[in-house]
C-alpha cells in the first residue's frame, strides 16, 4: 500500500474497523448461539459467514478464488491450509463456500461469546499440551461430524512469522485417515501483507485462495511411510502456490 494512503487509513482503522469488529463479533456470536438453539447448525453457519464477509467488506479485503471446480459443497473434507495471519479466518470462512468446523486451541474456548459461539458451530477445541486429551477431542469430533461439512486444520500449528511454510504436523492427516475423508489442500496468499502476525498493522488488500484437487489418504504401514508421503505431497502442493 502506498505510504500516503496507509497514513490516511490509520484513523479509519483505529476509530472504525477495530471497534466495529469487536461489536460485530459480540453481536454475531450471540445471534449464532441463539440461531443454533432455535433453528439448528445450518442457521448458525449462515450467521458465521455473515460475520466473516462483513469483516472483509469493512477492512476492506478483496477475496479472489482459484480452483473452485476442485471443491464440491455437498462433500465432506478435511481442509488443510497454510496460516500467515488472523485475516485467514474470516477470508476462508466467508468465501470458501463450505460449512467449516475449525480445529482451535482450547484457550479460545474461554473467550466471552466467541468461544461459546464457536462451540455451538461444532468447532473442535484441543489441548496442545496434552496429547491424550487432544486425541480424545478429535475422536469426539469424528463422532459429531456430519455430511456436507469440513474440518479445517492449519497443520503448521501456528502462524508463520516470515511467510515461509512451516513443517506440517500429522494431526490433520491422521484425522482424515481415521475418518475416511479426503484432504482438500488450499493455499492462502497475501494475507500476511494485510495483517502480519503479532501486529495490529492492518491495511486493505487482496487475498487469494487457491483450492487444489483433493488428496486421498490411504492405509498406513507400521512405519507410517504412506502418511509421511501424503504430508510431503500436500505440503509441496500448498507451498508451490505461495
Protein backbone atom coordinates (compact mmCIF):
# COMPACT_ATOMS: atom_id res chain seq x y z
CA UNK A 1 0.00 0.00 0.00
CA UNK A 2 1.21 3.50 -0.82
CA UNK A 3 2.68 5.27 2.25
CA UNK A 4 0.30 8.25 1.94
CA UNK A 5 -2.77 6.01 1.65
CA UNK A 6 -1.53 3.96 4.60
CA UNK A 7 -1.34 7.09 6.76
CA UNK A 8 -4.82 8.14 5.67
CA UNK A 9 -6.12 4.66 6.52
CA UNK A 10 -4.88 4.73 10.14
CA UNK A 11 -7.73 6.81 11.66
CA UNK A 12 -10.27 4.66 9.84
CA UNK A 13 -8.63 1.52 11.18
CA UNK A 14 -8.45 2.66 14.81
CA UNK A 15 -11.76 4.51 15.06
CA UNK A 16 -13.96 2.33 12.87
CA UNK A 17 -12.57 -1.06 11.79
CA UNK A 18 -11.31 -2.34 15.16
CA UNK A 19 -14.33 -1.11 17.19
CA UNK A 20 -16.68 -2.45 14.52
CA UNK A 21 -15.04 -5.88 14.62
CA UNK A 22 -15.36 -6.11 18.41
CA UNK A 23 -19.03 -5.14 18.32
CA UNK A 24 -19.74 -7.30 15.26
CA UNK A 25 -18.08 -10.35 16.83
CA UNK A 26 -20.09 -9.96 20.04
CA UNK A 27 -23.34 -9.39 18.15
CA UNK A 28 -22.90 -12.20 15.65
CA UNK A 29 -21.67 -14.52 18.41
CA UNK A 30 -24.86 -14.08 20.41
CA UNK A 31 -27.04 -14.38 17.31
CA UNK A 32 -25.15 -17.51 16.27
CA UNK A 33 -25.73 -19.22 19.62
CA UNK A 34 -29.45 -18.36 19.54
CA UNK A 35 -29.78 -19.39 15.87
CA UNK A 36 -28.25 -22.80 16.54
CA UNK A 37 -30.55 -23.38 19.53
CA UNK A 38 -33.70 -22.32 17.68
CA UNK A 39 -33.04 -23.33 14.08
CA UNK A 40 -30.07 -25.70 14.01
CA UNK A 41 -26.46 -25.71 12.86
CA UNK A 42 -27.15 -24.50 9.31
CA UNK A 43 -28.60 -21.25 10.63
CA UNK A 44 -25.55 -20.76 12.82
CA UNK A 45 -23.27 -21.34 9.82
CA UNK A 46 -25.08 -18.62 7.88
CA UNK A 47 -24.56 -16.18 10.74
CA UNK A 48 -20.86 -17.02 10.88
CA UNK A 49 -20.49 -16.46 7.13
CA UNK A 50 -22.23 -13.10 7.50
CA UNK A 51 -19.75 -12.08 10.23
CA UNK A 52 -16.80 -13.15 8.10
CA UNK A 53 -17.95 -11.35 4.98
CA UNK A 54 -18.71 -8.16 6.88
CA UNK A 55 -15.18 -8.24 8.29
CA UNK A 56 -13.79 -8.42 4.77
CA UNK A 57 -16.05 -5.65 3.46
CA UNK A 58 -15.28 -3.24 6.29
CA UNK A 59 -11.48 -3.65 6.19
CA UNK A 60 -11.78 -3.82 3.06
CA UNK A 61 -10.35 -7.11 1.81
CA UNK A 62 -10.97 -8.35 -1.72
CA UNK A 63 -11.08 -12.13 -1.98
CA UNK A 64 -10.18 -13.98 -5.14
CA UNK A 65 -10.83 -17.72 -5.51
CA UNK A 66 -8.95 -20.02 -7.86
CA UNK A 67 -9.76 -23.70 -8.36
CA UNK A 68 -13.41 -23.55 -7.32
CA UNK A 69 -14.05 -26.59 -9.52
CA UNK A 70 -11.89 -28.68 -7.14
CA UNK A 71 -14.38 -28.23 -4.29
CA UNK A 72 -17.87 -29.74 -4.04
CA UNK A 73 -20.22 -28.23 -1.45
CA UNK A 74 -22.07 -31.49 -0.88
CA UNK A 75 -18.88 -33.35 0.04
CA UNK A 76 -17.11 -33.69 3.38
CA UNK A 77 -13.41 -32.78 3.54
CA UNK A 78 -10.52 -32.31 5.87
CA UNK A 79 -9.29 -28.91 4.70
CA UNK A 80 -5.58 -28.24 5.14
CA UNK A 81 -4.28 -24.67 4.71
CA UNK A 82 -1.22 -22.57 5.34
CA UNK A 83 -1.54 -19.87 8.02
CA UNK A 84 0.11 -16.45 7.89
CA UNK A 85 -2.38 -14.07 9.51
CA UNK A 86 -5.53 -13.76 11.62
CA UNK A 87 -7.12 -12.48 8.40
CA UNK A 88 -7.11 -16.09 7.17
CA UNK A 89 -10.09 -16.90 9.41
CA UNK A 90 -12.75 -14.51 8.02
CA UNK A 91 -11.40 -14.89 4.48
CA UNK A 92 -11.70 -18.68 4.48
CA UNK A 93 -14.93 -18.84 6.47
CA UNK A 94 -16.64 -16.19 4.41
CA UNK A 95 -15.59 -17.21 0.93
CA UNK A 96 -14.58 -20.88 0.69
CA UNK A 97 -18.21 -21.98 0.45
CA UNK A 98 -18.02 -24.92 2.88
CA UNK A 99 -19.58 -25.43 6.31
CA UNK A 100 -16.36 -25.20 8.26
CA UNK A 101 -15.61 -26.67 11.67
CA UNK A 102 -12.36 -25.17 12.91
CA UNK A 103 -9.76 -27.00 14.98
CA UNK A 104 -8.85 -24.49 17.70
CA UNK A 105 -6.66 -24.35 20.78
CA UNK A 106 -8.65 -24.83 23.99
CA UNK A 107 -7.73 -21.37 25.33
CA UNK A 108 -10.08 -19.77 22.79
CA UNK A 109 -13.00 -21.60 24.37
CA UNK A 110 -12.76 -19.19 27.32
CA UNK A 111 -13.14 -16.04 25.21
CA UNK A 112 -16.52 -14.49 26.10
CA UNK A 113 -19.23 -15.00 23.43
CA UNK A 114 -16.68 -16.01 20.77
CA UNK A 115 -15.78 -19.29 22.50
CA UNK A 116 -19.36 -20.47 23.10
CA UNK A 117 -20.38 -19.36 19.58
CA UNK A 118 -17.62 -21.45 18.00
CA UNK A 119 -18.58 -24.38 20.20
CA UNK A 120 -22.21 -24.09 19.06
CA UNK A 121 -20.98 -24.31 15.46
CA UNK A 122 -19.24 -27.60 16.21
CA UNK A 123 -15.68 -26.30 16.25
CA UNK A 124 -13.13 -28.64 17.83
CA UNK A 125 -11.12 -27.48 20.83
CA UNK A 126 -7.89 -29.32 21.55
CA UNK A 127 -5.33 -29.18 24.33
CA UNK A 128 -1.97 -28.92 22.58
CA UNK A 129 -0.10 -29.62 25.81
CA UNK A 130 -1.92 -32.92 26.45
CA UNK A 131 -1.70 -35.48 23.65
CA UNK A 132 -4.18 -37.87 25.27
CA UNK A 133 -6.77 -35.12 25.70
CA UNK A 134 -6.22 -33.93 22.14
CA UNK A 135 -6.77 -37.44 20.78
CA UNK A 136 -9.96 -37.74 22.84
CA UNK A 137 -11.24 -34.42 21.48
CA UNK A 138 -10.57 -35.50 17.92
CA UNK A 139 -12.35 -38.81 18.46
CA UNK A 140 -15.41 -36.96 19.79
CA UNK A 141 -15.27 -34.62 16.80
CA UNK A 142 -15.35 -37.53 14.34
CA UNK A 143 -18.50 -38.83 16.03
CA UNK A 144 -20.20 -35.44 15.62
CA UNK A 145 -19.09 -34.85 12.04
CA UNK A 146 -21.99 -34.67 9.60
CA UNK A 147 -22.19 -34.75 5.84
CA UNK A 148 -21.61 -31.54 3.88
CA UNK A 149 -19.22 -30.16 6.49
CA UNK A 150 -15.47 -29.61 6.50
CA UNK A 151 -12.95 -29.77 9.31
CA UNK A 152 -10.23 -27.18 8.81
CA UNK A 153 -6.69 -27.58 10.13
CA UNK A 154 -3.71 -25.27 10.00
CA UNK A 155 -1.13 -28.09 10.07
CA UNK A 156 1.76 -25.72 10.76
CA UNK A 157 0.29 -25.40 14.26
CA UNK A 158 0.83 -21.63 14.39
CA UNK A 159 1.07 -18.59 12.13
CA UNK A 160 4.18 -18.20 10.01
CA UNK A 161 6.08 -15.09 11.10
CA UNK A 162 8.13 -14.71 7.92
CA UNK A 163 5.77 -16.01 5.26
CA UNK A 164 7.65 -19.28 4.81
CA UNK A 165 5.72 -22.51 5.14
CA UNK A 166 6.49 -24.28 8.42
CA UNK A 167 6.73 -28.09 8.84
CA UNK A 168 3.36 -29.84 8.94
CA UNK A 169 2.12 -31.75 11.99
CA UNK A 170 0.37 -35.08 11.44
CA UNK A 171 -2.92 -34.46 13.27
CA UNK A 172 -4.97 -33.39 10.25
CA UNK A 173 -3.78 -36.32 8.18
CA UNK A 174 -4.40 -38.90 10.90
CA UNK A 175 -7.87 -37.42 11.39
CA UNK A 176 -8.58 -37.74 7.67
CA UNK A 177 -7.29 -41.31 7.60
CA UNK A 178 -9.30 -42.40 10.63
CA UNK A 179 -12.47 -40.70 9.38
CA UNK A 180 -12.03 -41.98 5.82
CA UNK A 181 -12.14 -38.45 4.37
CA UNK A 182 -10.15 -36.81 1.57
CA UNK A 183 -7.74 -33.95 2.20
CA UNK A 184 -8.58 -30.67 0.45
CA UNK A 185 -5.39 -28.58 0.29
CA UNK A 186 -5.77 -24.82 -0.02
CA UNK A 187 -3.18 -22.07 -0.30
CA UNK A 188 -3.93 -18.66 1.22
CA UNK A 189 -1.90 -15.95 -0.47
CA UNK A 190 -1.13 -12.34 0.58
CA UNK A 191 -2.92 -12.34 3.94
CA UNK A 192 0.34 -11.53 5.73
CA UNK A 193 0.54 -8.26 3.77
CA UNK A 194 -2.87 -7.26 5.16
CA UNK A 195 -2.20 -8.15 8.79
CA UNK A 196 1.23 -9.51 9.79
CA UNK A 197 1.45 -11.93 12.71
CA UNK A 198 1.81 -10.36 16.19
CA UNK A 199 0.84 -6.98 14.78
CA UNK A 200 -2.07 -4.53 14.51
CA UNK A 201 -0.67 -3.10 11.29
CA UNK A 202 -3.87 -3.74 9.37
CA UNK A 203 -4.31 -2.44 5.82
CA UNK A 204 -6.64 -3.12 2.88
CA UNK A 205 -5.68 -5.55 0.17
CA UNK A 206 -6.49 -8.66 -1.79
CA UNK A 207 -6.25 -12.24 -0.56
CA UNK A 208 -6.23 -15.13 -2.97
CA UNK A 209 -7.46 -18.61 -2.05
CA UNK A 210 -6.18 -21.40 -4.27
CA UNK A 211 -8.19 -24.61 -3.97
CA UNK A 212 -6.19 -27.64 -5.05
CA UNK A 213 -7.53 -31.07 -6.09
CA UNK A 214 -8.42 -33.35 -3.20
CA UNK A 215 -5.93 -35.93 -1.98
CA UNK A 216 -6.91 -39.37 -0.69
CA UNK A 217 -5.25 -40.64 2.47
CA UNK A 218 -4.69 -44.36 2.06
CA UNK A 219 -3.65 -47.03 4.52
CA UNK A 220 -0.54 -46.61 6.59
CA UNK A 221 2.02 -49.30 7.26
CA UNK A 222 3.74 -49.76 10.60
CA UNK A 223 6.38 -47.15 9.83
CA UNK A 224 3.83 -44.52 8.85
CA UNK A 225 5.55 -44.23 5.46
CA UNK A 226 2.40 -43.64 3.40
CA UNK A 227 1.22 -40.94 5.78
CA UNK A 228 4.56 -39.16 5.62
CA UNK A 229 4.45 -39.28 1.82
CA UNK A 230 0.95 -37.78 1.80
CA UNK A 231 2.00 -34.99 4.17
CA UNK A 232 5.01 -34.20 1.97
CA UNK A 233 2.83 -34.21 -1.15
CA UNK A 234 0.21 -31.85 0.33
CA UNK A 235 2.84 -29.51 1.78
CA UNK A 236 4.57 -29.29 -1.61
CA UNK A 237 1.26 -28.54 -3.34
CA UNK A 238 0.43 -25.71 -0.92
CA UNK A 239 3.98 -24.34 -0.99
CA UNK A 240 4.24 -24.19 -4.77
CA UNK A 241 1.21 -21.87 -4.96
CA UNK A 242 2.52 -19.39 -2.38
